[in-house]
Amino acid sequence: MRIAYIILCHKNAKQMNMMIDVLNDEENTFFIHLDKKSNIESLIKKGSNIHILPEDKRVDIKWGDISMIEATKNLLQTVFDSNEKYDYVWLLSGQDFPLKKQSKIKKYLEENKEKNFIEIIDQRDLMYKRLLKRNELYYPEWMKKMNLLSKIVKFMYIILTGGLNRTIILKRKNNLNTEFYFGSQWWTLTYECAKEIYMMLSDKKYITYYSNCLVPDESIIQTLFMKSNYRNEYQDKLTYVNWNGQINHPKTFTINDYDELINSKYLMARKFDEKIDDKIIKKLYYDLKNN
């Protein structure tokens, strides 16, 4: 079982090195995209199976922006250009951490071989109409910023065009002629499925349309997946993220969440931050390395 872990990161090299250490074996390879603003390259663990994308493939990532997809696309390109064959491609954040040993992760994937693990939110979900608003309106880049003025203008824009759950005016033409899907950014796909999505993503029309959507990284891969030949072969994502009581960012786990994490059915979790609480990272690391 060979896994290509593709990682989006920008800070906290120590905890990312710990993550790589517990996932590392002779079969896996790590492909790392460092945000162009990041200065941690020299601190990242070295190894023949650890590859940091070169400067010309690094993107200045902004929240809610197409830059997240461009960085992911560059990671996928590097995987497929390597001419190495993998069983799975697994998208991680540098602030993820495993909840299960690598041997158990691989055992689970072996038992569910050929399945893809991705969250798909479609029209049956109560949140769908609200999420659809992200794609139906044209969002200029400045409106996606996280400063107070941009947030206020964005909220008024959404309300004045029909409210949170519908779009009455200024609705964009869906020139992709496709139904939109949504879900978590973090997925685990078979090599063949990831390659088909990468080939579709290479068609500039998708990047062009999604460039002015809000939070495109939570829609574009799901939409392309549901256009792929693998759309009937999926289960829910393998990464646990807690959004309870959160708005723009998921909960950052601390040592107080230890029981919740180890009793979870998931294989991975996010997010963790060594500057907020490194005890939970060290505890999980110790468990995975010694038990």
Protein backbone atom coordinates (compact mmCIF):
# COMPACT_ATOMS: atom_id res chain seq x y z
CA MET A 1 0.00 0.00 0.00
CA ARG A 2 1.72 3.16 -1.25
CA ILE A 3 0.37 6.55 -0.24
CA ALA A 4 1.33 9.93 -1.70
CA TYR A 5 0.70 12.43 1.08
CA ILE A 6 0.31 15.90 -0.40
CA ILE A 7 0.59 18.62 2.23
CA LEU A 8 -0.42 22.29 2.27
CA CYS A 9 1.44 24.15 5.01
CA HIS A 10 2.78 27.52 6.06
CA LYS A 11 3.92 27.35 9.70
CA ASN A 12 4.79 25.14 12.68
CA ALA A 13 7.54 23.00 11.16
CA LYS A 14 8.08 21.06 14.40
CA GLN A 15 4.57 19.62 14.56
CA MET A 16 4.58 18.90 10.82
CA ASN A 17 7.85 16.98 11.20
CA MET A 18 6.21 14.95 13.96
CA MET A 19 3.26 14.23 11.68
CA ILE A 20 5.56 13.08 8.88
CA ASP A 21 7.55 10.95 11.32
CA VAL A 22 4.52 8.90 12.44
CA LEU A 23 3.28 8.49 8.84
CA ASN A 24 6.65 7.66 7.34
CA ASP A 25 7.66 4.25 6.03
CA GLU A 26 9.59 2.93 3.05
CA GLU A 27 6.50 2.99 0.79
CA ASN A 28 5.07 6.47 1.38
CA THR A 29 6.13 9.74 -0.21
CA PHE A 30 5.47 13.28 1.02
CA PHE A 31 4.96 16.19 -1.35
CA ILE A 32 4.92 19.54 0.45
CA HIS A 33 3.61 22.89 -0.75
CA LEU A 34 4.93 25.76 1.36
CA ASP A 35 2.93 28.96 1.18
CA LYS A 36 5.01 31.54 -0.67
CA LYS A 37 4.92 33.71 2.47
CA SER A 38 6.36 30.90 4.61
CA ASN A 39 9.93 30.91 5.97
CA ILE A 40 10.10 27.41 7.48
CA GLU A 41 11.67 25.47 4.58
CA SER A 42 15.04 25.01 6.32
CA LEU A 43 13.28 23.56 9.38
CA ILE A 44 11.40 20.80 7.56
CA LYS A 45 12.60 17.23 7.98
CA LYS A 46 14.80 16.01 5.12
CA GLY A 47 14.52 12.65 3.42
CA SER A 48 14.67 10.93 0.04
CA ASN A 49 10.88 10.52 0.12
CA ILE A 50 10.16 14.09 1.27
CA HIS A 51 9.83 16.61 -1.56
CA ILE A 52 9.23 20.33 -1.12
CA LEU A 53 7.83 22.01 -4.23
CA PRO A 54 10.31 24.42 -5.84
CA GLU A 55 9.86 28.17 -5.60
CA ASP A 56 8.18 28.50 -9.00
CA LYS A 57 5.46 26.03 -7.91
CA ARG A 58 4.72 27.79 -4.63
CA VAL A 59 1.59 29.93 -4.39
CA ASP A 60 0.72 32.87 -2.12
CA ILE A 61 -2.35 31.30 -0.50
CA LYS A 62 -5.23 33.48 0.70
CA TRP A 63 -8.31 32.40 2.64
CA GLY A 64 -11.41 31.65 0.56
CA ASP A 65 -9.43 32.11 -2.64
CA ILE A 66 -8.62 30.05 -5.75
CA SER A 67 -4.96 30.09 -4.68
CA MET A 68 -5.69 27.10 -2.43
CA ILE A 69 -6.78 25.09 -5.47
CA GLU A 70 -3.81 26.28 -7.53
CA ALA A 71 -1.45 25.02 -4.82
CA THR A 72 -3.29 21.69 -4.65
CA LYS A 73 -3.11 21.37 -8.44
CA ASN A 74 0.66 21.96 -8.31
CA LEU A 75 0.99 19.19 -5.72
CA LEU A 76 -1.00 16.78 -7.89
CA GLN A 77 1.09 17.67 -10.91
CA THR A 78 4.27 16.85 -8.97
CA VAL A 79 2.85 13.47 -7.94
CA PHE A 80 1.94 12.51 -11.50
CA ASP A 81 5.15 13.92 -13.00
CA SER A 82 7.18 11.73 -10.64
CA ASN A 83 6.20 8.65 -12.67
CA GLU A 84 5.75 6.74 -9.42
CA LYS A 85 2.53 4.78 -8.98
CA TYR A 86 0.64 5.05 -5.70
CA ASP A 87 -2.50 3.43 -4.37
CA TYR A 88 -3.84 6.61 -2.78
CA VAL A 89 -3.28 10.35 -2.85
CA TRP A 90 -4.12 11.94 0.51
CA LEU A 91 -4.48 15.71 0.92
CA LEU A 92 -3.31 16.95 4.32
CA SER A 93 -2.83 20.25 6.06
CA GLY A 94 0.37 20.94 7.94
CA GLN A 95 -1.89 21.25 10.99
CA ASP A 96 -3.30 17.71 10.70
CA PHE A 97 -2.20 14.86 12.91
CA PRO A 98 -2.85 11.10 12.72
CA LEU A 99 -5.17 9.45 15.23
CA LYS A 100 -4.17 5.92 14.24
CA LYS A 101 -0.83 4.23 13.59
CA GLN A 102 0.32 4.05 9.98
CA SER A 103 -0.13 0.26 9.99
CA LYS A 104 -3.80 0.66 10.96
CA ILE A 105 -4.30 3.38 8.36
CA LYS A 106 -2.96 1.11 5.65
CA LYS A 107 -4.97 -1.86 6.92
CA TYR A 108 -8.15 0.22 6.67
CA LEU A 109 -7.33 1.34 3.15
CA GLU A 110 -6.51 -2.22 2.12
CA GLU A 111 -9.85 -3.41 3.46
CA ASN A 112 -11.61 -0.64 1.55
CA LYS A 113 -9.43 -0.69 -1.54
CA GLU A 114 -10.72 1.18 -4.59
CA LYS A 115 -13.02 3.33 -2.46
CA ASN A 116 -12.57 7.10 -2.38
CA PHE A 117 -12.98 9.09 0.82
CA ILE A 118 -14.46 12.52 0.28
CA GLU A 119 -17.33 14.48 1.81
CA ILE A 120 -20.09 15.19 -0.72
CA ILE A 121 -22.83 17.70 0.14
CA ASP A 122 -25.61 17.73 -2.46
CA GLN A 123 -29.12 19.15 -2.82
CA ARG A 124 -30.51 16.83 -0.16
CA ASP A 125 -28.56 18.65 2.55
CA LEU A 126 -30.24 21.46 4.48
CA MET A 127 -27.10 23.60 4.08
CA TYR A 128 -26.97 23.21 0.31
CA LYS A 129 -28.73 26.45 -0.69
CA ARG A 130 -26.55 28.49 1.62
CA LEU A 131 -23.41 26.86 0.22
CA LEU A 132 -24.67 27.33 -3.36
CA LYS A 133 -24.63 31.09 -2.76
CA ARG A 134 -20.82 30.85 -2.70
CA ASN A 135 -20.85 29.84 -6.37
CA GLU A 136 -23.88 31.74 -7.65
CA LEU A 137 -22.54 35.23 -6.92
CA TYR A 138 -19.45 36.93 -8.33
CA TYR A 139 -17.03 37.67 -5.47
CA PRO A 140 -14.18 40.07 -6.29
CA GLU A 141 -10.90 39.24 -4.56
CA TRP A 142 -11.07 42.16 -2.13
CA MET A 143 -14.44 40.97 -0.80
CA LYS A 144 -12.93 37.65 0.33
CA LYS A 145 -10.53 39.28 2.76
CA MET A 146 -10.98 38.73 6.49
CA ASN A 147 -10.87 42.37 7.58
CA LEU A 148 -14.00 43.86 9.17
CA LEU A 149 -14.96 46.09 6.22
CA SER A 150 -14.79 43.22 3.72
CA LYS A 151 -16.87 41.02 6.02
CA ILE A 152 -19.56 43.70 6.37
CA VAL A 153 -19.72 44.41 2.63
CA LYS A 154 -19.81 40.69 1.84
CA PHE A 155 -22.68 40.11 4.28
CA MET A 156 -24.69 43.03 2.84
CA TYR A 157 -23.99 41.78 -0.69
CA ILE A 158 -25.38 38.36 0.20
CA ILE A 159 -28.47 39.79 1.89
CA LEU A 160 -29.28 42.31 -0.85
CA THR A 161 -29.04 39.68 -3.60
CA GLY A 162 -31.70 37.48 -2.00
CA GLY A 163 -30.53 36.41 1.44
CA LEU A 164 -28.49 33.49 2.70
CA ASN A 165 -30.54 30.75 1.05
CA ARG A 166 -31.41 32.09 -2.41
CA THR A 167 -30.13 34.38 -5.15
CA ILE A 168 -32.69 36.69 -6.76
CA ILE A 169 -30.49 39.23 -8.52
CA LEU A 170 -26.92 39.29 -9.89
CA LYS A 171 -26.87 35.50 -10.24
CA ARG A 172 -23.94 34.34 -12.35
CA LYS A 173 -24.46 32.23 -15.43
CA ASN A 174 -23.32 28.68 -14.75
CA ASN A 175 -21.25 28.33 -17.92
CA LEU A 176 -19.77 25.09 -16.58
CA ASN A 177 -23.15 23.45 -17.19
CA THR A 178 -22.74 21.28 -14.13
CA GLU A 179 -24.43 20.73 -10.81
CA PHE A 180 -22.36 22.04 -7.92
CA TYR A 181 -21.35 19.93 -4.94
CA PHE A 182 -19.67 20.90 -1.68
CA GLY A 183 -17.74 19.33 1.18
CA SER A 184 -14.60 19.33 3.27
CA GLN A 185 -11.39 20.34 1.55
CA TRP A 186 -9.57 17.29 2.92
CA TRP A 187 -9.88 14.04 0.97
CA THR A 188 -8.25 10.67 0.28
CA LEU A 189 -8.59 9.49 -3.33
CA THR A 190 -7.30 6.55 -5.31
CA TYR A 191 -4.42 7.37 -7.62
CA GLU A 192 -6.57 6.85 -10.72
CA CYS A 193 -9.41 9.02 -9.39
CA ALA A 194 -7.03 11.82 -8.36
CA LYS A 195 -5.45 11.73 -11.81
CA GLU A 196 -8.81 12.01 -13.57
CA ILE A 197 -9.75 14.99 -11.39
CA TYR A 198 -6.35 16.58 -12.07
CA MET A 199 -6.91 16.22 -15.83
CA MET A 200 -10.32 17.92 -15.54
CA LEU A 201 -8.84 20.60 -13.30
CA SER A 202 -6.32 21.34 -16.04
CA ASP A 203 -9.20 22.65 -18.17
CA LYS A 204 -8.91 26.39 -17.50
CA LYS A 205 -12.67 26.92 -17.47
CA TYR A 206 -12.96 25.47 -13.96
CA ILE A 207 -10.21 27.62 -12.47
CA THR A 208 -11.62 30.66 -14.29
CA TYR A 209 -15.15 30.20 -12.95
CA TYR A 210 -14.13 29.28 -9.42
CA SER A 211 -11.69 32.20 -9.20
CA ASN A 212 -14.61 34.41 -8.25
CA CYS A 213 -16.42 31.94 -6.03
CA LEU A 214 -16.19 32.04 -2.25
CA VAL A 215 -14.18 29.22 -0.61
CA PRO A 216 -13.70 27.27 -3.88
CA ASP A 217 -11.60 24.62 -2.11
CA GLU A 218 -14.82 23.33 -0.53
CA SER A 219 -16.58 22.81 -3.86
CA ILE A 220 -14.41 22.42 -6.93
CA ILE A 221 -12.94 18.97 -6.14
CA GLN A 222 -16.36 17.66 -5.06
CA THR A 223 -17.93 18.97 -8.27
CA LEU A 224 -15.25 17.38 -10.43
CA PHE A 225 -15.39 14.14 -8.45
CA MET A 226 -19.11 13.85 -9.16
CA LYS A 227 -18.35 14.29 -12.87
CA SER A 228 -15.71 11.56 -12.77
CA ASN A 229 -15.97 7.85 -13.44
CA TYR A 230 -15.58 7.24 -9.69
CA ARG A 231 -18.64 9.17 -8.49
CA ASN A 232 -20.38 6.01 -7.24
CA GLU A 233 -17.35 4.74 -5.32
CA TYR A 234 -16.98 6.97 -2.29
CA GLN A 235 -17.34 7.08 1.48
CA ASP A 236 -17.09 9.96 3.93
CA LYS A 237 -13.79 11.74 4.57
CA LEU A 238 -11.18 10.21 6.89
CA THR A 239 -10.16 13.48 8.58
CA TYR A 240 -12.04 14.63 11.68
CA VAL A 241 -12.75 18.36 11.88
CA ASN A 242 -14.86 19.92 14.66
CA TRP A 243 -16.91 22.91 13.48
CA ASN A 244 -19.23 23.04 16.51
CA GLY A 245 -19.57 26.67 17.59
CA GLN A 246 -17.01 27.79 15.00
CA ILE A 247 -17.47 30.21 12.07
CA ASN A 248 -14.50 30.75 9.75
CA HIS A 249 -12.09 28.18 11.16
CA PRO A 250 -12.53 24.78 12.82
CA LYS A 251 -11.75 24.15 16.46
CA THR A 252 -8.08 23.94 17.41
CA PHE A 253 -7.69 20.83 19.54
CA THR A 254 -6.05 20.88 22.97
CA ILE A 255 -5.12 18.23 25.52
CA ASN A 256 -8.68 18.52 26.86
CA ASP A 257 -9.89 16.94 23.60
CA TYR A 258 -7.70 13.85 23.93
CA ASP A 259 -10.51 11.40 24.75
CA GLU A 260 -12.70 12.81 21.99
CA LEU A 261 -9.90 12.31 19.47
CA ILE A 262 -8.74 8.81 20.39
CA ASN A 263 -12.33 7.54 20.55
CA SER A 264 -13.11 8.97 17.13
CA LYS A 265 -13.75 6.67 14.17
CA TYR A 266 -11.51 8.87 12.00
CA LEU A 267 -7.90 8.17 10.99
CA MET A 268 -6.70 11.79 10.95
CA ALA A 269 -7.76 15.06 12.59
CA ARG A 270 -7.28 18.79 12.26
CA LYS A 271 -6.50 21.26 13.42
CA PHE A 272 -3.61 21.43 15.85
CA ASP A 273 -1.29 24.30 16.68
CA GLU A 274 1.87 23.87 18.71
CA LYS A 275 1.78 27.53 19.70
CA ILE A 276 -1.68 27.13 21.24
CA ASP A 277 -1.27 23.67 22.80
CA ASP A 278 1.63 21.35 22.02
CA LYS A 279 0.68 18.87 24.76
CA ILE A 280 -1.99 17.20 22.61
CA ILE A 281 0.47 16.83 19.70
CA LYS A 282 3.16 15.35 21.94
CA LYS A 283 0.66 12.98 23.58
CA LEU A 284 -0.66 11.67 20.25
CA TYR A 285 2.90 11.39 18.93
CA TYR A 286 4.01 9.38 21.96
CA ASP A 287 1.01 7.05 21.68
CA LEU A 288 1.55 6.41 17.99
CA LYS A 289 5.27 5.78 18.34
CA ASN A 290 5.19 3.62 21.45
CA ASN A 291 1.88 1.76 21.68
